[in-house]
Amino acid sequence: MSYSIPKSSNNFLIVSKDDFRDWKTINDTIMGGKSQATCKVTSDGLLLKGEIVEEGGGFISSRSPLFTPSLNLSSFQGIKLEIDGGGRTLKFGISFNATFGMSRLVSGALKWVMTFPTNDKGFSSVNIPFNSLEPTVRAKRVFFPVRFDSSCINQFQILYSKFGQPGELNSEFKPGPISIAIRSINAYI
């Protein structure tokens, strides 16, 4: 992936249209569910489109390839998404290469997430502050002490799920057809 800093901006462009080509779909079928979705690059960016089935799982997602080297976003406050979610409450997840403490022990399964609403029509501009992310392992709340580290981010994931914040259900969840478009992902100051 290539990264560029737009001139006269407080944003660092991380992912734009062409950078989505290596993103992969992960659906609830990995745990026995029946939801189906695919992702592809379009003129608007990444399109994640499919059918959500609540029984046996209830989620679809797409995630980036591992960033090599990891992204050091420690001088930024968070991530800004340009996303069309069709009025649904979505979830954004971040993984990082943990090198210390309890985070290192569960680093492969640990995700840092935040749910957010989207506009009914058109693209939403959504800020995901790093200090609002919550640790989770497979949609369950993490109770042991962990600390988010924005200096070694190695993957992003966008999800639509019947699960919201860790340990909670998504009160806005509805099964059926879904279409999500991500135009860009930036880090903001």
Protein backbone atom coordinates (compact mmCIF):
# COMPACT_ATOMS: atom_id res chain seq x y z
CA MET A 1 0.00 0.00 0.00
CA SER A 2 1.12 3.53 -0.66
CA TYR A 3 0.49 6.42 1.72
CA SER A 4 0.44 10.14 1.02
CA ILE A 5 -0.12 13.28 3.06
CA PRO A 6 -2.53 15.71 1.35
CA LYS A 7 -1.16 19.25 1.10
CA SER A 8 -2.66 21.84 3.47
CA SER A 9 -4.54 19.28 5.49
CA ASN A 10 -4.53 17.91 9.03
CA ASN A 11 -5.28 14.45 7.64
CA PHE A 12 -2.99 11.62 6.64
CA LEU A 13 -4.53 9.62 3.79
CA ILE A 14 -4.13 5.95 4.69
CA VAL A 15 -6.48 4.13 2.32
CA SER A 16 -8.14 5.39 -0.86
CA LYS A 17 -9.75 3.72 -3.89
CA ASP A 18 -6.83 1.67 -5.28
CA ASP A 19 -5.62 0.66 -1.81
CA PHE A 20 -8.80 -1.36 -1.23
CA ARG A 21 -7.93 -3.95 -3.89
CA ASP A 22 -6.38 -6.38 -1.37
CA TRP A 23 -9.15 -6.17 1.24
CA LYS A 24 -10.84 -9.51 1.97
CA THR A 25 -14.33 -10.45 3.11
CA ILE A 26 -14.85 -12.32 6.37
CA ASN A 27 -18.41 -13.46 7.07
CA ASP A 28 -20.07 -15.37 9.89
CA THR A 29 -19.62 -18.55 7.82
CA ILE A 30 -16.25 -18.94 9.60
CA MET A 31 -18.28 -19.90 12.71
CA GLY A 32 -21.16 -21.74 11.05
CA GLY A 33 -23.35 -18.80 10.04
CA LYS A 34 -25.07 -18.25 6.70
CA SER A 35 -24.46 -14.56 5.91
CA GLN A 36 -22.82 -13.93 2.54
CA ALA A 37 -21.03 -10.84 1.29
CA THR A 38 -18.28 -9.92 -1.11
CA CYS A 39 -16.13 -6.84 -1.48
CA LYS A 40 -14.81 -5.19 -4.60
CA VAL A 41 -13.24 -1.92 -5.65
CA THR A 42 -15.60 0.51 -7.42
CA SER A 43 -15.37 4.15 -8.52
CA ASP A 44 -16.46 5.13 -4.96
CA GLY A 45 -13.90 2.94 -3.18
CA LEU A 46 -14.63 -0.39 -1.49
CA LEU A 47 -18.09 -1.91 -1.87
CA LEU A 48 -19.12 -4.55 0.68
CA LYS A 49 -22.39 -6.06 -0.45
CA GLY A 50 -24.36 -9.10 0.61
CA GLU A 51 -27.10 -10.70 2.68
CA ILE A 52 -27.15 -10.85 6.49
CA VAL A 53 -28.66 -13.92 8.18
CA GLU A 54 -28.97 -13.53 11.96
CA GLU A 55 -29.21 -17.21 12.91
CA GLY A 56 -25.86 -18.84 13.57
CA GLY A 57 -23.81 -15.65 13.41
CA GLY A 58 -25.15 -12.36 12.11
CA PHE A 59 -22.18 -10.48 10.66
CA ILE A 60 -20.32 -9.56 7.51
CA SER A 61 -17.03 -7.72 7.32
CA SER A 62 -14.09 -6.75 5.21
CA ARG A 63 -10.57 -6.25 6.46
CA SER A 64 -7.37 -4.83 5.12
CA PRO A 65 -4.26 -6.86 4.50
CA LEU A 66 -1.67 -6.64 7.27
CA PHE A 67 0.22 -3.35 7.04
CA THR A 68 3.93 -4.01 6.59
CA PRO A 69 5.50 -2.13 8.15
CA SER A 70 2.90 -1.29 10.80
CA LEU A 71 1.44 2.23 10.76
CA ASN A 72 2.75 4.62 13.37
CA LEU A 73 -0.20 6.95 13.96
CA SER A 74 0.89 8.09 17.43
CA SER A 75 0.87 11.77 16.38
CA PHE A 76 -2.81 11.54 15.38
CA GLN A 77 -6.02 11.53 17.46
CA GLY A 78 -7.97 8.97 15.45
CA ILE A 79 -9.30 7.63 12.17
CA LYS A 80 -11.73 9.42 9.84
CA LEU A 81 -13.92 7.33 7.54
CA GLU A 82 -15.84 8.47 4.47
CA ILE A 83 -18.51 5.78 4.38
CA ASP A 84 -21.99 5.09 3.02
CA GLY A 85 -23.68 2.67 5.41
CA GLY A 86 -27.29 3.18 4.36
CA GLY A 87 -28.38 4.36 7.81
CA ARG A 88 -27.01 1.30 9.62
CA THR A 89 -24.92 1.25 12.77
CA LEU A 90 -21.54 -0.17 11.76
CA LYS A 91 -18.40 -1.13 13.63
CA PHE A 92 -14.79 -0.24 12.86
CA GLY A 93 -11.97 -2.39 14.23
CA ILE A 94 -8.23 -1.88 14.56
CA SER A 95 -5.52 -4.43 15.35
CA PHE A 96 -1.95 -3.68 16.31
CA ASN A 97 1.31 -5.51 16.92
CA ALA A 98 1.34 -5.70 20.69
CA THR A 99 4.82 -5.73 22.17
CA PHE A 100 4.00 -5.32 25.85
CA GLY A 101 1.79 -6.56 28.69
CA MET A 102 -1.48 -8.46 28.42
CA SER A 103 -2.14 -7.10 24.91
CA ARG A 104 0.80 -9.16 23.66
CA LEU A 105 -0.69 -12.38 25.08
CA VAL A 106 -3.92 -12.08 23.04
CA SER A 107 -2.71 -9.88 20.19
CA GLY A 108 -3.96 -12.19 17.41
CA ALA A 109 -7.56 -12.15 18.66
CA LEU A 110 -7.69 -8.69 20.24
CA LYS A 111 -9.46 -5.94 18.27
CA TRP A 112 -10.15 -2.37 19.28
CA VAL A 113 -13.62 -1.33 18.12
CA MET A 114 -16.15 1.48 18.03
CA THR A 115 -19.70 1.44 16.66
CA PHE A 116 -21.10 4.42 14.79
CA PRO A 117 -24.30 5.40 12.96
CA THR A 118 -24.35 6.34 9.28
CA ASN A 119 -26.58 8.64 7.23
CA ASP A 120 -29.66 7.09 5.61
CA LYS A 121 -28.49 8.31 2.20
CA GLY A 122 -25.08 9.27 0.93
CA PHE A 123 -21.67 9.28 2.52
CA SER A 124 -21.06 10.01 6.19
CA SER A 125 -17.86 11.50 7.55
CA VAL A 126 -17.16 9.59 10.76
CA ASN A 127 -14.41 10.21 13.31
CA ILE A 128 -13.15 7.23 15.30
CA PRO A 129 -11.10 8.73 18.18
CA PHE A 130 -8.42 6.36 19.43
CA ASN A 131 -9.47 7.09 23.03
CA SER A 132 -13.02 5.86 22.26
CA LEU A 133 -11.96 2.41 21.04
CA GLU A 134 -12.79 -0.54 23.29
CA PRO A 135 -10.90 -3.84 23.42
CA THR A 136 -12.77 -6.99 22.36
CA VAL A 137 -12.11 -10.62 21.61
CA ARG A 138 -14.79 -12.08 19.32
CA ALA A 139 -17.39 -9.43 20.29
CA LYS A 140 -16.84 -10.06 24.01
CA ARG A 141 -15.69 -7.41 26.45
CA VAL A 142 -12.08 -7.68 27.66
CA PHE A 143 -11.81 -7.31 31.43
CA PHE A 144 -8.06 -7.65 31.92
CA PRO A 145 -5.88 -4.52 31.63
CA VAL A 146 -4.86 -3.67 28.07
CA ARG A 147 -3.75 -0.42 26.46
CA PHE A 148 -4.29 0.76 22.89
CA ASP A 149 -1.06 1.55 21.02
CA SER A 150 -1.44 3.73 17.92
CA SER A 151 2.27 3.42 17.09
CA CYS A 152 2.03 -0.10 15.61
CA ILE A 153 -1.34 -0.47 13.83
CA ASN A 154 -1.34 -3.43 11.48
CA GLN A 155 -4.95 -3.91 10.26
CA PHE A 156 -8.37 -2.27 9.81
CA GLN A 157 -11.76 -3.97 9.62
CA ILE A 158 -15.28 -2.71 8.86
CA LEU A 159 -18.19 -4.79 10.18
CA TYR A 160 -21.94 -4.95 10.21
CA SER A 161 -22.98 -7.20 13.06
CA LYS A 162 -25.76 -8.05 15.46
CA PHE A 163 -23.14 -7.26 18.12
CA GLY A 164 -22.36 -3.62 18.90
CA GLN A 165 -19.85 -2.44 21.47
CA PRO A 166 -18.07 -5.31 23.26
CA GLY A 167 -20.56 -7.53 25.11
CA GLU A 168 -23.62 -5.66 23.76
CA LEU A 169 -26.11 -6.25 20.97
CA ASN A 170 -26.46 -3.75 18.12
CA SER A 171 -29.95 -2.32 18.80
CA GLU A 172 -30.15 -1.11 15.17
CA PHE A 173 -29.37 -4.53 13.65
CA LYS A 174 -31.63 -5.86 10.92
CA PRO A 175 -30.99 -8.92 8.74
CA GLY A 176 -31.41 -8.86 4.96
CA PRO A 177 -29.63 -7.22 2.03
CA ILE A 178 -26.85 -4.78 2.80
CA SER A 179 -24.50 -2.50 0.87
CA ILE A 180 -21.64 -0.53 2.45
CA ALA A 181 -19.24 1.73 0.51
CA ILE A 182 -15.99 3.08 2.00
CA ARG A 183 -14.48 5.98 0.07
CA SER A 184 -11.38 6.62 2.20
CA ILE A 185 -9.69 6.14 5.55
CA ASN A 186 -7.61 8.96 7.01
CA ALA A 187 -5.83 9.62 10.28
CA TYR A 188 -6.70 13.03 11.75
CA ILE A 189 -4.94 15.42 14.12
